[in-house]
């Protein structure tokens, strides 16, 4: 299936403030041909990357408490 992708238009739309998401996710893929057991991992929640590149854990993610967490942490929509 052939299609054209206008990257200039795509980047223009993504640069608009109303198109910027207030959340993201990180997926880490294990590309080695092995099977391991994960015995510890980072807690699910809201993290903030500081200007000095440090990562700060702010709160546990809970859908019904998201508005309250936003107010306490200073995260904006």
Protein backbone atom coordinates (compact mmCIF):
# COMPACT_ATOMS: atom_id res chain seq x y z
CA UNK A 1 0.00 0.00 0.00
CA UNK A 2 1.64 3.21 -1.14
CA UNK A 3 1.13 6.46 0.74
CA UNK A 4 2.71 9.87 1.08
CA UNK A 5 3.80 11.17 4.46
CA UNK A 6 4.14 14.95 4.65
CA UNK A 7 6.65 15.26 7.51
CA UNK A 8 6.63 19.05 7.32
CA UNK A 9 2.86 19.12 7.92
CA UNK A 10 3.13 16.46 10.62
CA UNK A 11 5.83 18.41 12.48
CA UNK A 12 3.82 21.64 12.10
CA UNK A 13 0.77 20.03 13.73
CA UNK A 14 2.83 18.41 16.51
CA UNK A 15 4.42 21.77 17.32
CA UNK A 16 1.05 23.32 18.26
CA UNK A 17 0.61 23.65 22.05
CA UNK A 18 -2.77 21.89 21.97
CA UNK A 19 -1.13 18.85 20.34
CA UNK A 20 1.47 18.38 23.10
CA UNK A 21 0.62 15.49 25.40
CA UNK A 22 0.89 15.87 29.15
CA UNK A 23 2.04 12.26 29.49
CA UNK A 24 4.30 9.77 27.82
CA UNK A 25 5.35 6.18 28.14
CA UNK A 26 8.62 4.34 27.81
CA UNK A 27 8.85 0.86 26.38
CA UNK A 28 12.08 -1.04 26.78
CA UNK A 29 12.48 -3.99 24.45
CA UNK A 30 14.79 -6.84 25.34
CA UNK A 31 16.44 -7.75 22.04
CA UNK A 32 18.72 -10.52 23.28
CA UNK A 33 17.68 -14.09 22.52
CA UNK A 34 17.17 -14.99 26.18
CA UNK A 35 14.48 -15.24 28.82
CA UNK A 36 15.02 -13.65 32.22
CA UNK A 37 12.95 -13.02 35.32
CA UNK A 38 12.46 -9.43 36.41
CA UNK A 39 12.72 -9.31 40.19
CA UNK A 40 12.62 -5.51 40.58
CA UNK A 41 11.50 -2.57 38.48
CA UNK A 42 10.73 1.12 38.77
CA UNK A 43 7.39 1.96 40.32
CA UNK A 44 4.53 2.93 38.03
CA UNK A 45 3.64 6.56 38.58
CA UNK A 46 4.35 10.13 37.64
CA UNK A 47 7.97 11.13 37.14
CA UNK A 48 9.44 14.54 36.35
CA UNK A 49 12.67 15.15 34.46
CA UNK A 50 14.47 18.11 36.02
CA UNK A 51 16.54 20.67 34.13
CA UNK A 52 19.75 18.93 35.24
CA UNK A 53 18.42 15.66 33.70
CA UNK A 54 17.72 14.04 37.09
CA UNK A 55 14.49 12.05 37.25
CA UNK A 56 12.22 12.60 40.27
CA UNK A 57 9.41 10.22 41.27
CA UNK A 58 6.41 12.35 42.23
CA UNK A 59 3.43 10.12 42.89
CA UNK A 60 1.71 6.83 42.11
CA UNK A 61 -0.52 7.00 39.04
CA UNK A 62 -4.20 6.55 39.89
CA UNK A 63 -6.85 7.57 37.41
CA UNK A 64 -9.29 8.85 40.04
CA UNK A 65 -6.58 10.87 41.79
CA UNK A 66 -4.96 12.36 38.68
CA UNK A 67 -6.49 15.83 39.08
CA UNK A 68 -5.38 15.97 42.71
CA UNK A 69 -1.86 14.81 41.77
CA UNK A 70 -1.63 17.47 39.05
CA UNK A 71 -2.45 20.19 41.55
CA UNK A 72 0.12 18.95 44.09
CA UNK A 73 3.00 18.36 41.69
CA UNK A 74 2.69 21.37 39.43
CA UNK A 75 2.32 19.20 36.33
CA UNK A 76 0.18 20.99 33.78
CA UNK A 77 -2.12 19.59 31.13
